[in-house]
Amino acid sequence: FTKLMLKNIDFNELSTRVMGPAGSKATPADRKEFTRLFAA
């Protein structure tokens, strides 16, 4: 199921929408880490 979700969901885009304005204040490394953690 996890692999199916990773294949079909754009977690880079979804996590960007979740972060909202807070994402613009975060470092690229923190945004990348959030995408990984949020996806799981």
Full PDB file with SEQRES, HELIX, SHEET, SSBOND, CRYST1, ORIGX, SCALE, CONECT and MASTER records, all heavy atoms in Angstrom:
SEQRES   1 A   40  PHE THR LYS LEU MET LEU LYS ASN ILE ASP PHE ASN GLU          
SEQRES   2 A   40  LEU SER THR ARG VAL MET GLY PRO ALA GLY SER LYS ALA          
SEQRES   3 A   40  THR PRO ALA ASP ARG LYS GLU PHE THR ARG LEU PHE ALA          
SEQRES   4 A   40  ALA                                                          
HELIX    1 AA1 THR A    2  ASN A    8  1                                   7    
HELIX    2 AA2 PHE A   11  MET A   19  1                                   9    
HELIX    3 AA3 PRO A   21  SER A   24  1                                   4    
HELIX    4 AA4 PRO A   28  ALA A   39  1                                  12    
CRYST1    1.000    1.000    1.000  90.00  90.00  90.00 P 1           1          
ORIGX1      1.000000  0.000000  0.000000        0.00000                         
ORIGX2      0.000000  1.000000  0.000000        0.00000                         
ORIGX3      0.000000  0.000000  1.000000        0.00000                         
SCALE1      1.000000  0.000000  0.000000        0.00000                         
SCALE2      0.000000  1.000000  0.000000        0.00000                         
SCALE3      0.000000  0.000000  1.000000        0.00000                         
ATOM      1  N   PHE A   1       0.828  -1.200   0.000  1.00  0.00           N  
ATOM      2  CA  PHE A   1       0.000   0.000   0.000  1.00  0.00           C  
ATOM      3  C   PHE A   1       0.866   1.256   0.000  1.00  0.00           C  
ATOM      4  O   PHE A   1       0.582   2.224  -0.720  1.00  0.00           O  
ATOM      5  CB  PHE A   1      -0.920  -0.003   1.220  1.00  0.00           C  
ATOM      6  CG  PHE A   1      -1.825   1.197   1.300  1.00  0.00           C  
ATOM      7  CD1 PHE A   1      -2.947   1.279   0.489  1.00  0.00           C  
ATOM      8  CD2 PHE A   1      -1.551   2.236   2.168  1.00  0.00           C  
ATOM      9  CE1 PHE A   1      -3.785   2.389   0.549  1.00  0.00           C  
ATOM     10  CE2 PHE A   1      -2.379   3.338   2.234  1.00  0.00           C  
ATOM     11  CZ  PHE A   1      -3.500   3.417   1.426  1.00  0.00           C  
ATOM     12  N   THR A   2       1.929   1.257   0.774  1.00  0.00           N  
ATOM     13  CA  THR A   2       2.834   2.407   0.841  1.00  0.00           C  
ATOM     14  C   THR A   2       3.440   2.704  -0.521  1.00  0.00           C  
ATOM     15  O   THR A   2       3.467   3.858  -0.974  1.00  0.00           O  
ATOM     16  CB  THR A   2       3.953   2.150   1.863  1.00  0.00           C  
ATOM     17  OG1 THR A   2       3.380   2.020   3.165  1.00  0.00           O  
ATOM     18  CG2 THR A   2       4.967   3.295   1.878  1.00  0.00           C  
ATOM     19  N   LYS A   3       3.907   1.690  -1.202  1.00  0.00           N  
ATOM     20  CA  LYS A   3       4.512   1.883  -2.517  1.00  0.00           C  
ATOM     21  C   LYS A   3       3.486   2.369  -3.532  1.00  0.00           C  
ATOM     22  O   LYS A   3       3.806   3.172  -4.417  1.00  0.00           O  
ATOM     23  CB  LYS A   3       5.169   0.585  -2.985  1.00  0.00           C  
ATOM     24  CG  LYS A   3       6.413   0.219  -2.178  1.00  0.00           C  
ATOM     25  CD  LYS A   3       7.032  -1.086  -2.656  1.00  0.00           C  
ATOM     26  CE  LYS A   3       8.316  -1.396  -1.884  1.00  0.00           C  
ATOM     27  NZ  LYS A   3       8.916  -2.691  -2.305  1.00  0.00           N  
ATOM     28  N   LEU A   4       2.252   1.907  -3.394  1.00  0.00           N  
ATOM     29  CA  LEU A   4       1.183   2.365  -4.283  1.00  0.00           C  
ATOM     30  C   LEU A   4       0.918   3.855  -4.085  1.00  0.00           C  
ATOM     31  O   LEU A   4       0.755   4.605  -5.053  1.00  0.00           O  
ATOM     32  CB  LEU A   4      -0.088   1.560  -4.015  1.00  0.00           C  
ATOM     33  CG  LEU A   4      -1.318   1.919  -4.854  1.00  0.00           C  
ATOM     34  CD1 LEU A   4      -1.077   1.593  -6.326  1.00  0.00           C  
ATOM     35  CD2 LEU A   4      -2.551   1.171  -4.338  1.00  0.00           C  
ATOM     36  N   MET A   5       0.895   4.297  -2.831  1.00  0.00           N  
ATOM     37  CA  MET A   5       0.678   5.710  -2.540  1.00  0.00           C  
ATOM     38  C   MET A   5       1.841   6.572  -3.037  1.00  0.00           C  
ATOM     39  O   MET A   5       1.629   7.655  -3.592  1.00  0.00           O  
ATOM     40  CB  MET A   5       0.490   5.908  -1.033  1.00  0.00           C  
ATOM     41  CG  MET A   5      -0.768   5.289  -0.443  1.00  0.00           C  
ATOM     42  SD  MET A   5      -2.325   5.990  -1.099  1.00  0.00           S  
ATOM     43  CE  MET A   5      -2.744   4.759  -2.380  1.00  0.00           C  
ATOM     44  N   LEU A   6       3.040   6.091  -2.861  1.00  0.00           N  
ATOM     45  CA  LEU A   6       4.215   6.842  -3.320  1.00  0.00           C  
ATOM     46  C   LEU A   6       4.217   6.995  -4.838  1.00  0.00           C  
ATOM     47  O   LEU A   6       4.660   8.012  -5.373  1.00  0.00           O  
ATOM     48  CB  LEU A   6       5.494   6.148  -2.863  1.00  0.00           C  
ATOM     49  CG  LEU A   6       5.804   6.244  -1.363  1.00  0.00           C  
ATOM     50  CD1 LEU A   6       6.940   5.301  -0.997  1.00  0.00           C  
ATOM     51  CD2 LEU A   6       6.153   7.672  -0.973  1.00  0.00           C  
ATOM     52  N   LYS A   7       3.709   5.985  -5.518  1.00  0.00           N  
ATOM     53  CA  LYS A   7       3.656   6.020  -6.979  1.00  0.00           C  
ATOM     54  C   LYS A   7       2.603   6.991  -7.477  1.00  0.00           C  
ATOM     55  O   LYS A   7       2.796   7.646  -8.518  1.00  0.00           O  
ATOM     56  CB  LYS A   7       3.362   4.609  -7.508  1.00  0.00           C  
ATOM     57  CG  LYS A   7       3.170   4.524  -9.014  1.00  0.00           C  
ATOM     58  CD  LYS A   7       2.788   3.113  -9.428  1.00  0.00           C  
ATOM     59  CE  LYS A   7       2.485   3.032 -10.924  1.00  0.00           C  
ATOM     60  NZ  LYS A   7       2.056   1.661 -11.331  1.00  0.00           N  
ATOM     61  N   ASN A   8       1.505   7.130  -6.763  1.00  0.00           N  
ATOM     62  CA  ASN A   8       0.353   7.863  -7.293  1.00  0.00           C  
ATOM     63  C   ASN A   8       0.123   9.246  -6.683  1.00  0.00           C  
ATOM     64  O   ASN A   8      -0.659  10.019  -7.236  1.00  0.00           O  
ATOM     65  CB  ASN A   8      -0.910   7.022  -7.104  1.00  0.00           C  
ATOM     66  CG  ASN A   8      -0.980   5.866  -8.071  1.00  0.00           C  
ATOM     67  OD1 ASN A   8      -1.356   6.022  -9.230  1.00  0.00           O  
ATOM     68  ND2 ASN A   8      -0.590   4.670  -7.608  1.00  0.00           N  
ATOM     69  N   ILE A   9       0.739   9.538  -5.548  1.00  0.00           N  
ATOM     70  CA  ILE A   9       0.552  10.841  -4.916  1.00  0.00           C  
ATOM     71  C   ILE A   9       1.813  11.687  -5.073  1.00  0.00           C  
ATOM     72  O   ILE A   9       2.926  11.207  -4.831  1.00  0.00           O  
ATOM     73  CB  ILE A   9       0.218  10.692  -3.420  1.00  0.00           C  
ATOM     74  CG1 ILE A   9      -1.101   9.926  -3.256  1.00  0.00           C  
ATOM     75  CG2 ILE A   9       0.119  12.060  -2.736  1.00  0.00           C  
ATOM     76  CD1 ILE A   9      -1.482   9.667  -1.810  1.00  0.00           C  
ATOM     77  N   ASP A  10       1.652  12.931  -5.473  1.00  0.00           N  
ATOM     78  CA  ASP A  10       2.779  13.865  -5.571  1.00  0.00           C  
ATOM     79  C   ASP A  10       2.978  14.498  -4.199  1.00  0.00           C  
ATOM     80  O   ASP A  10       2.375  15.528  -3.877  1.00  0.00           O  
ATOM     81  CB  ASP A  10       2.482  14.939  -6.625  1.00  0.00           C  
ATOM     82  CG  ASP A  10       3.667  15.873  -6.859  1.00  0.00           C  
ATOM     83  OD1 ASP A  10       4.596  15.877  -6.019  1.00  0.00           O  
ATOM     84  OD2 ASP A  10       3.653  16.593  -7.874  1.00  0.00           O  
ATOM     85  N   PHE A  11       3.814  13.871  -3.388  1.00  0.00           N  
ATOM     86  CA  PHE A  11       3.997  14.362  -2.025  1.00  0.00           C  
ATOM     87  C   PHE A  11       4.790  15.662  -1.967  1.00  0.00           C  
ATOM     88  O   PHE A  11       4.676  16.407  -0.995  1.00  0.00           O  
ATOM     89  CB  PHE A  11       4.641  13.287  -1.146  1.00  0.00           C  
ATOM     90  CG  PHE A  11       3.671  12.247  -0.675  1.00  0.00           C  
ATOM     91  CD1 PHE A  11       3.682  10.972  -1.213  1.00  0.00           C  
ATOM     92  CD2 PHE A  11       2.719  12.550   0.284  1.00  0.00           C  
ATOM     93  CE1 PHE A  11       2.769  10.009  -0.787  1.00  0.00           C  
ATOM     94  CE2 PHE A  11       1.804  11.609   0.715  1.00  0.00           C  
ATOM     95  CZ  PHE A  11       1.833  10.332   0.182  1.00  0.00           C  
ATOM     96  N   ASN A  12       5.573  15.962  -3.001  1.00  0.00           N  
ATOM     97  CA  ASN A  12       6.226  17.268  -3.038  1.00  0.00           C  
ATOM     98  C   ASN A  12       5.173  18.374  -3.117  1.00  0.00           C  
ATOM     99  O   ASN A  12       5.245  19.375  -2.391  1.00  0.00           O  
ATOM    100  CB  ASN A  12       7.177  17.358  -4.237  1.00  0.00           C  
ATOM    101  CG  ASN A  12       8.429  16.546  -4.057  1.00  0.00           C  
ATOM    102  OD1 ASN A  12       9.004  16.509  -2.967  1.00  0.00           O  
ATOM    103  ND2 ASN A  12       8.875  15.880  -5.109  1.00  0.00           N  
ATOM    104  N   GLU A  13       4.190  18.171  -3.985  1.00  0.00           N  
ATOM    105  CA  GLU A  13       3.128  19.170  -4.136  1.00  0.00           C  
ATOM    106  C   GLU A  13       2.200  19.186  -2.932  1.00  0.00           C  
ATOM    107  O   GLU A  13       1.846  20.253  -2.413  1.00  0.00           O  
ATOM    108  CB  GLU A  13       2.328  18.879  -5.405  1.00  0.00           C  
ATOM    109  CG  GLU A  13       1.182  19.847  -5.679  1.00  0.00           C  
ATOM    110  CD  GLU A  13       1.643  21.268  -5.963  1.00  0.00           C  
ATOM    111  OE1 GLU A  13       2.798  21.441  -6.397  1.00  0.00           O  
ATOM    112  OE2 GLU A  13       0.842  22.200  -5.748  1.00  0.00           O  
ATOM    113  N   LEU A  14       1.791  18.004  -2.459  1.00  0.00           N  
ATOM    114  CA  LEU A  14       0.876  17.936  -1.323  1.00  0.00           C  
ATOM    115  C   LEU A  14       1.499  18.544  -0.077  1.00  0.00           C  
ATOM    116  O   LEU A  14       0.844  19.310   0.648  1.00  0.00           O  
ATOM    117  CB  LEU A  14       0.467  16.488  -1.056  1.00  0.00           C  
ATOM    118  CG  LEU A  14      -0.474  16.250   0.134  1.00  0.00           C  
ATOM    119  CD1 LEU A  14      -1.746  17.083   0.011  1.00  0.00           C  
ATOM    120  CD2 LEU A  14      -0.822  14.765   0.250  1.00  0.00           C  
ATOM    121  N   SER A  15       2.751  18.232   0.188  1.00  0.00           N  
ATOM    122  CA  SER A  15       3.397  18.779   1.387  1.00  0.00           C  
ATOM    123  C   SER A  15       3.574  20.291   1.280  1.00  0.00           C  
ATOM    124  O   SER A  15       3.480  21.003   2.282  1.00  0.00           O  
ATOM    125  CB  SER A  15       4.755  18.104   1.627  1.00  0.00           C  
ATOM    126  OG  SER A  15       5.666  18.382   0.581  1.00  0.00           O  
ATOM    127  N   THR A  16       3.795  20.794   0.060  1.00  0.00           N  
ATOM    128  CA  THR A  16       3.895  22.246  -0.141  1.00  0.00           C  
ATOM    129  C   THR A  16       2.577  22.917   0.210  1.00  0.00           C  
ATOM    130  O   THR A  16       2.540  23.971   0.860  1.00  0.00           O  
ATOM    131  CB  THR A  16       4.272  22.565  -1.601  1.00  0.00           C  
ATOM    132  OG1 THR A  16       5.576  22.040  -1.874  1.00  0.00           O  
ATOM    133  CG2 THR A  16       4.274  24.076  -1.852  1.00  0.00           C  
ATOM    134  N   ARG A  17       1.463  22.296  -0.169  1.00  0.00           N  
ATOM    135  CA  ARG A  17       0.146  22.851   0.142  1.00  0.00           C  
ATOM    136  C   ARG A  17      -0.134  22.774   1.640  1.00  0.00           C  
ATOM    137  O   ARG A  17      -0.787  23.654   2.203  1.00  0.00           O  
ATOM    138  CB  ARG A  17      -0.924  22.104  -0.663  1.00  0.00           C  
ATOM    139  CG  ARG A  17      -0.755  22.282  -2.156  1.00  0.00           C  
ATOM    140  CD  ARG A  17      -1.841  21.613  -2.985  1.00  0.00           C  
ATOM    141  NE  ARG A  17      -1.540  21.768  -4.408  1.00  0.00           N  
ATOM    142  CZ  ARG A  17      -2.404  21.600  -5.395  1.00  0.00           C  
ATOM    143  NH1 ARG A  17      -3.660  21.279  -5.123  1.00  0.00           N  
ATOM    144  NH2 ARG A  17      -2.050  21.760  -6.648  1.00  0.00           N  
ATOM    145  N   VAL A  18       0.364  21.728   2.288  1.00  0.00           N  
ATOM    146  CA  VAL A  18       0.174  21.603   3.728  1.00  0.00           C  
ATOM    147  C   VAL A  18       1.001  22.647   4.477  1.00  0.00           C  
ATOM    148  O   VAL A  18       0.522  23.280   5.423  1.00  0.00           O  
ATOM    149  CB  VAL A  18       0.553  20.179   4.201  1.00  0.00           C  
ATOM    150  CG1 VAL A  18       0.577  20.108   5.729  1.00  0.00           C  
ATOM    151  CG2 VAL A  18      -0.431  19.166   3.651  1.00  0.00           C  
ATOM    152  N   MET A  19       2.247  22.834   4.073  1.00  0.00           N  
ATOM    153  CA  MET A  19       3.106  23.818   4.748  1.00  0.00           C  
ATOM    154  C   MET A  19       2.544  25.227   4.614  1.00  0.00           C  
ATOM    155  O   MET A  19       2.642  26.030   5.543  1.00  0.00           O  
ATOM    156  CB  MET A  19       4.524  23.761   4.173  1.00  0.00           C  
ATOM    157  CG  MET A  19       5.348  22.577   4.640  1.00  0.00           C  
ATOM    158  SD  MET A  19       7.071  22.621   4.062  1.00  0.00           S  
ATOM    159  CE  MET A  19       6.866  22.067   2.355  1.00  0.00           C  
ATOM    160  N   GLY A  20       1.959  25.536   3.474  1.00  0.00           N  
ATOM    161  CA  GLY A  20       1.405  26.862   3.278  1.00  0.00           C  
ATOM    162  C   GLY A  20       2.465  27.953   3.442  1.00  0.00           C  
ATOM    163  O   GLY A  20       3.630  27.754   3.081  1.00  0.00           O  
ATOM    164  N   PRO A  21       2.099  29.098   4.023  1.00  0.00           N  
ATOM    165  CA  PRO A  21       3.057  30.204   4.189  1.00  0.00           C  
ATOM    166  C   PRO A  21       4.289  29.827   5.023  1.00  0.00           C  
ATOM    167  O   PRO A  21       5.361  30.390   4.833  1.00  0.00           O  
ATOM    168  CB  PRO A  21       2.227  31.280   4.908  1.00  0.00           C  
ATOM    169  CG  PRO A  21       0.814  30.978   4.529  1.00  0.00           C  
ATOM    170  CD  PRO A  21       0.741  29.476   4.456  1.00  0.00           C  
ATOM    171  N   ALA A  22       4.137  28.858   5.934  1.00  0.00           N  
ATOM    172  CA  ALA A  22       5.277  28.451   6.763  1.00  0.00           C  
ATOM    173  C   ALA A  22       6.399  27.881   5.916  1.00  0.00           C  
ATOM    174  O   ALA A  22       7.581  27.964   6.285  1.00  0.00           O  
ATOM    175  CB  ALA A  22       4.829  27.424   7.801  1.00  0.00           C  
ATOM    176  N   GLY A  23       6.058  27.314   4.764  1.00  0.00           N  
ATOM    177  CA  GLY A  23       7.081  26.729   3.902  1.00  0.00           C  
ATOM    178  C   GLY A  23       8.060  27.741   3.358  1.00  0.00           C  
ATOM    179  O   GLY A  23       9.239  27.431   3.164  1.00  0.00           O  
ATOM    180  N   SER A  24       7.581  28.983   3.121  1.00  0.00           N  
ATOM    181  CA  SER A  24       8.469  30.015   2.571  1.00  0.00           C  
ATOM    182  C   SER A  24       9.497  30.486   3.585  1.00  0.00           C  
ATOM    183  O   SER A  24      10.510  31.088   3.221  1.00  0.00           O  
ATOM    184  CB  SER A  24       7.635  31.208   2.082  1.00  0.00           C  
ATOM    185  OG  SER A  24       6.942  31.813   3.171  1.00  0.00           O  
ATOM    186  N   LYS A  25       9.245  30.199   4.869  1.00  0.00           N  
ATOM    187  CA  LYS A  25      10.175  30.616   5.922  1.00  0.00           C  
ATOM    188  C   LYS A  25      11.149  29.496   6.302  1.00  0.00           C  
ATOM    189  O   LYS A  25      12.047  29.705   7.117  1.00  0.00           O  
ATOM    190  CB  LYS A  25       9.391  31.048   7.159  1.00  0.00           C  
ATOM    191  CG  LYS A  25       8.416  32.196   6.903  1.00  0.00           C  
ATOM    192  CD  LYS A  25       7.589  32.495   8.140  1.00  0.00           C  
ATOM    193  CE  LYS A  25       6.547  33.578   7.865  1.00  0.00           C  
ATOM    194  NZ  LYS A  25       5.689  33.861   9.052  1.00  0.00           N  
ATOM    195  N   ALA A  26      10.943  28.316   5.744  1.00  0.00           N  
ATOM    196  CA  ALA A  26      11.774  27.166   6.092  1.00  0.00           C  
ATOM    197  C   ALA A  26      12.955  27.035   5.142  1.00  0.00           C  
ATOM    198  O   ALA A  26      12.924  27.524   4.007  1.00  0.00           O  
ATOM    199  CB  ALA A  26      10.928  25.890   6.042  1.00  0.00           C  
ATOM    200  N   THR A  27      13.986  26.356   5.589  1.00  0.00           N  
ATOM    201  CA  THR A  27      15.141  26.100   4.735  1.00  0.00           C  
ATOM    202  C   THR A  27      14.789  24.995   3.743  1.00  0.00           C  
ATOM    203  O   THR A  27      13.877  24.187   3.994  1.00  0.00           O  
ATOM    204  CB  THR A  27      16.353  25.657   5.561  1.00  0.00           C  
ATOM    205  OG1 THR A  27      16.073  24.372   6.153  1.00  0.00           O  
ATOM    206  CG2 THR A  27      16.667  26.661   6.667  1.00  0.00           C  
ATOM    207  N   PRO A  28      15.500  24.928   2.616  1.00  0.00           N  
ATOM    208  CA  PRO A  28      15.251  23.832   1.667  1.00  0.00           C  
ATOM    209  C   PRO A  28      15.387  22.456   2.325  1.00  0.00           C  
ATOM    210  O   PRO A  28      14.616  21.544   2.023  1.00  0.00           O  
ATOM    211  CB  PRO A  28      16.314  24.052   0.593  1.00  0.00           C  
ATOM    212  CG  PRO A  28      16.574  25.527   0.627  1.00  0.00           C  
ATOM    213  CD  PRO A  28      16.476  25.903   2.080  1.00  0.00           C  
ATOM    214  N   ALA A  29      16.350  22.319   3.228  1.00  0.00           N  
ATOM    215  CA  ALA A  29      16.554  21.032   3.910  1.00  0.00           C  
ATOM    216  C   ALA A  29      15.359  20.684   4.784  1.00  0.00           C  
ATOM    217  O   ALA A  29      14.922  19.525   4.825  1.00  0.00           O  
ATOM    218  CB  ALA A  29      17.832  21.076   4.747  1.00  0.00           C  
ATOM    219  N   ASP A  30      14.808  21.680   5.480  1.00  0.00           N  
ATOM    220  CA  ASP A  30      13.649  21.425   6.339  1.00  0.00           C  
ATOM    221  C   ASP A  30      12.412  21.096   5.504  1.00  0.00           C  
ATOM    222  O   ASP A  30      11.601  20.245   5.889  1.00  0.00           O  
ATOM    223  CB  ASP A  30      13.366  22.628   7.240  1.00  0.00           C  
ATOM    224  CG  ASP A  30      14.324  22.717   8.418  1.00  0.00           C  
ATOM    225  OD1 ASP A  30      14.927  21.687   8.769  1.00  0.00           O  
ATOM    226  OD2 ASP A  30      14.471  23.820   8.990  1.00  0.00           O  
ATOM    227  N   ARG A  31      12.257  21.758   4.363  1.00  0.00           N  
ATOM    228  CA  ARG A  31      11.112  21.458   3.490  1.00  0.00           C  
ATOM    229  C   ARG A  31      11.224  20.035   2.941  1.00  0.00           C  
ATOM    230  O   ARG A  31      10.235  19.304   2.878  1.00  0.00           O  
ATOM    231  CB  ARG A  31      11.027  22.472   2.346  1.00  0.00           C  
ATOM    232  CG  ARG A  31      10.580  23.859   2.774  1.00  0.00           C  
ATOM    233  CD  ARG A  31      10.142  24.697   1.588  1.00  0.00           C  
ATOM    234  NE  ARG A  31      11.238  24.954   0.660  1.00  0.00           N  
ATOM    235  CZ  ARG A  31      12.059  25.999   0.742  1.00  0.00           C  
ATOM    236  NH1 ARG A  31      11.903  26.895   1.717  1.00  0.00           N  
ATOM    237  NH2 ARG A  31      13.012  26.169  -0.153  1.00  0.00           N  
ATOM    238  N   LYS A  32      12.429  19.645   2.550  1.00  0.00           N  
ATOM    239  CA  LYS A  32      12.636  18.291   2.044  1.00  0.00           C  
ATOM    240  C   LYS A  32      12.364  17.253   3.128  1.00  0.00           C  
ATOM    241  O   LYS A  32      11.735  16.225   2.869  1.00  0.00           O  
ATOM    242  CB  LYS A  32      14.073  18.143   1.528  1.00  0.00           C  
ATOM    243  CG  LYS A  32      14.374  16.786   0.915  1.00  0.00           C  
ATOM    244  CD  LYS A  32      15.790  16.732   0.370  1.00  0.00           C  
ATOM    245  CE  LYS A  32      16.094  15.374  -0.253  1.00  0.00           C  
ATOM    246  NZ  LYS A  32      17.478  15.327  -0.802  1.00  0.00           N  
ATOM    247  N   GLU A  33      12.815  17.549   4.342  1.00  0.00           N  
ATOM    248  CA  GLU A  33      12.585  16.637   5.458  1.00  0.00           C  
ATOM    249  C   GLU A  33      11.096  16.539   5.778  1.00  0.00           C  
ATOM    250  O   GLU A  33      10.590  15.454   6.071  1.00  0.00           O  
ATOM    251  CB  GLU A  33      13.361  17.128   6.686  1.00  0.00           C  
ATOM    252  CG  GLU A  33      13.209  16.262   7.932  1.00  0.00           C  
ATOM    253  CD  GLU A  33      14.036  14.992   7.888  1.00  0.00           C  
ATOM    254  OE1 GLU A  33      14.469  14.592   6.786  1.00  0.00           O  
ATOM    255  OE2 GLU A  33      14.253  14.396   8.948  1.00  0.00           O  
ATOM    256  N   PHE A  34      10.402  17.656   5.708  1.00  0.00           N  
ATOM    257  CA  PHE A  34       8.966  17.640   5.978  1.00  0.00           C  
ATOM    258  C   PHE A  34       8.241  16.776   4.951  1.00  0.00           C  
ATOM    259  O   PHE A  34       7.335  16.019   5.310  1.00  0.00           O  
ATOM    260  CB  PHE A  34       8.395  19.054   5.969  1.00  0.00           C  
ATOM    261  CG  PHE A  34       6.917  19.096   6.253  1.00  0.00           C  
ATOM    262  CD1 PHE A  34       6.445  19.034   7.551  1.00  0.00           C  
ATOM    263  CD2 PHE A  34       5.998  19.168   5.212  1.00  0.00           C  
ATOM    264  CE1 PHE A  34       5.073  19.051   7.817  1.00  0.00           C  
ATOM    265  CE2 PHE A  34       4.630  19.189   5.469  1.00  0.00           C  
ATOM    266  CZ  PHE A  34       4.170  19.123   6.774  1.00  0.00           C  
ATOM    267  N   THR A  35       8.633  16.898   3.696  1.00  0.00           N  
ATOM    268  CA  THR A  35       7.998  16.093   2.652  1.00  0.00           C  
ATOM    269  C   THR A  35       8.140  14.609   2.946  1.00  0.00           C  
ATOM    270  O   THR A  35       7.174  13.838   2.838  1.00  0.00           O  
ATOM    271  CB  THR A  35       8.617  16.415   1.279  1.00  0.00           C  
ATOM    272  OG1 THR A  35       8.374  17.791   0.967  1.00  0.00           O  
ATOM    273  CG2 THR A  35       8.019  15.537   0.184  1.00  0.00           C  
ATOM    274  N   ARG A  36       9.320  14.189   3.337  1.00  0.00           N  
ATOM    275  CA  ARG A  36       9.576  12.781   3.646  1.00  0.00           C  
ATOM    276  C   ARG A  36       8.757  12.324   4.851  1.00  0.00           C  
ATOM    277  O   ARG A  36       8.081  11.280   4.806  1.00  0.00           O  
ATOM    278  CB  ARG A  36      11.073  12.586   3.917  1.00  0.00           C  
ATOM    279  CG  ARG A  36      11.485  11.156   4.230  1.00  0.00           C  
ATOM    280  CD  ARG A  36      12.994  11.079   4.469  1.00  0.00           C  
ATOM    281  NE  ARG A  36      13.375  11.722   5.715  1.00  0.00           N  
ATOM    282  CZ  ARG A  36      13.462  11.089   6.894  1.00  0.00           C  
ATOM    283  NH1 ARG A  36      13.184   9.795   6.983  1.00  0.00           N  
ATOM    284  NH2 ARG A  36      13.836  11.752   7.981  1.00  0.00           N  
ATOM    285  N   LEU A  37       8.793  13.105   5.914  1.00  0.00           N  
ATOM    286  CA  LEU A  37       8.079  12.730   7.138  1.00  0.00           C  
ATOM    287  C   LEU A  37       6.565  12.787   6.949  1.00  0.00           C  
ATOM    288  O   LEU A  37       5.833  11.902   7.400  1.00  0.00           O  
ATOM    289  CB  LEU A  37       8.502  13.651   8.286  1.00  0.00           C  
ATOM    290  CG  LEU A  37       9.959  13.531   8.731  1.00  0.00           C  
ATOM    291  CD1 LEU A  37      10.323  14.689   9.664  1.00  0.00           C  
ATOM    292  CD2 LEU A  37      10.212  12.194   9.421  1.00  0.00           C  
ATOM    293  N   PHE A  38       6.105  13.831   6.284  1.00  0.00           N  
ATOM    294  CA  PHE A  38       4.667  13.973   6.079  1.00  0.00           C  
ATOM    295  C   PHE A  38       4.128  12.843   5.204  1.00  0.00           C  
ATOM    296  O   PHE A  38       3.033  12.327   5.450  1.00  0.00           O  
ATOM    297  CB  PHE A  38       4.332  15.324   5.449  1.00  0.00           C  
ATOM    298  CG  PHE A  38       2.866  15.474   5.134  1.00  0.00           C  
ATOM    299  CD1 PHE A  38       1.943  15.690   6.150  1.00  0.00           C  
ATOM    300  CD2 PHE A  38       2.415  15.349   3.825  1.00  0.00           C  
ATOM    301  CE1 PHE A  38       0.588  15.787   5.864  1.00  0.00           C  
ATOM    302  CE2 PHE A  38       1.062  15.451   3.541  1.00  0.00           C  
ATOM    303  CZ  PHE A  38       0.146  15.672   4.556  1.00  0.00           C  
ATOM    304  N   ALA A  39       4.884  12.450   4.181  1.00  0.00           N  
ATOM    305  CA  ALA A  39       4.446  11.354   3.317  1.00  0.00           C  
ATOM    306  C   ALA A  39       4.214  10.093   4.134  1.00  0.00           C  
ATOM    307  O   ALA A  39       3.187   9.416   3.992  1.00  0.00           O  
ATOM    308  CB  ALA A  39       5.483  11.098   2.218  1.00  0.00           C  
ATOM    309  N   ALA A  40       5.157   9.764   5.016  1.00  0.00           N  
ATOM    310  CA  ALA A  40       5.014   8.565   5.850  1.00  0.00           C  
ATOM    311  C   ALA A  40       3.831   8.705   6.795  1.00  0.00           C  
ATOM    312  O   ALA A  40       3.052   7.752   6.984  1.00  0.00           O  
ATOM    313  CB  ALA A  40       6.298   8.323   6.638  1.00  0.00           C  
TER     314      ALA A  40                                                      
MASTER        0    0    0    4    0    0    0    6  313    1    0    4          
END                                                                             
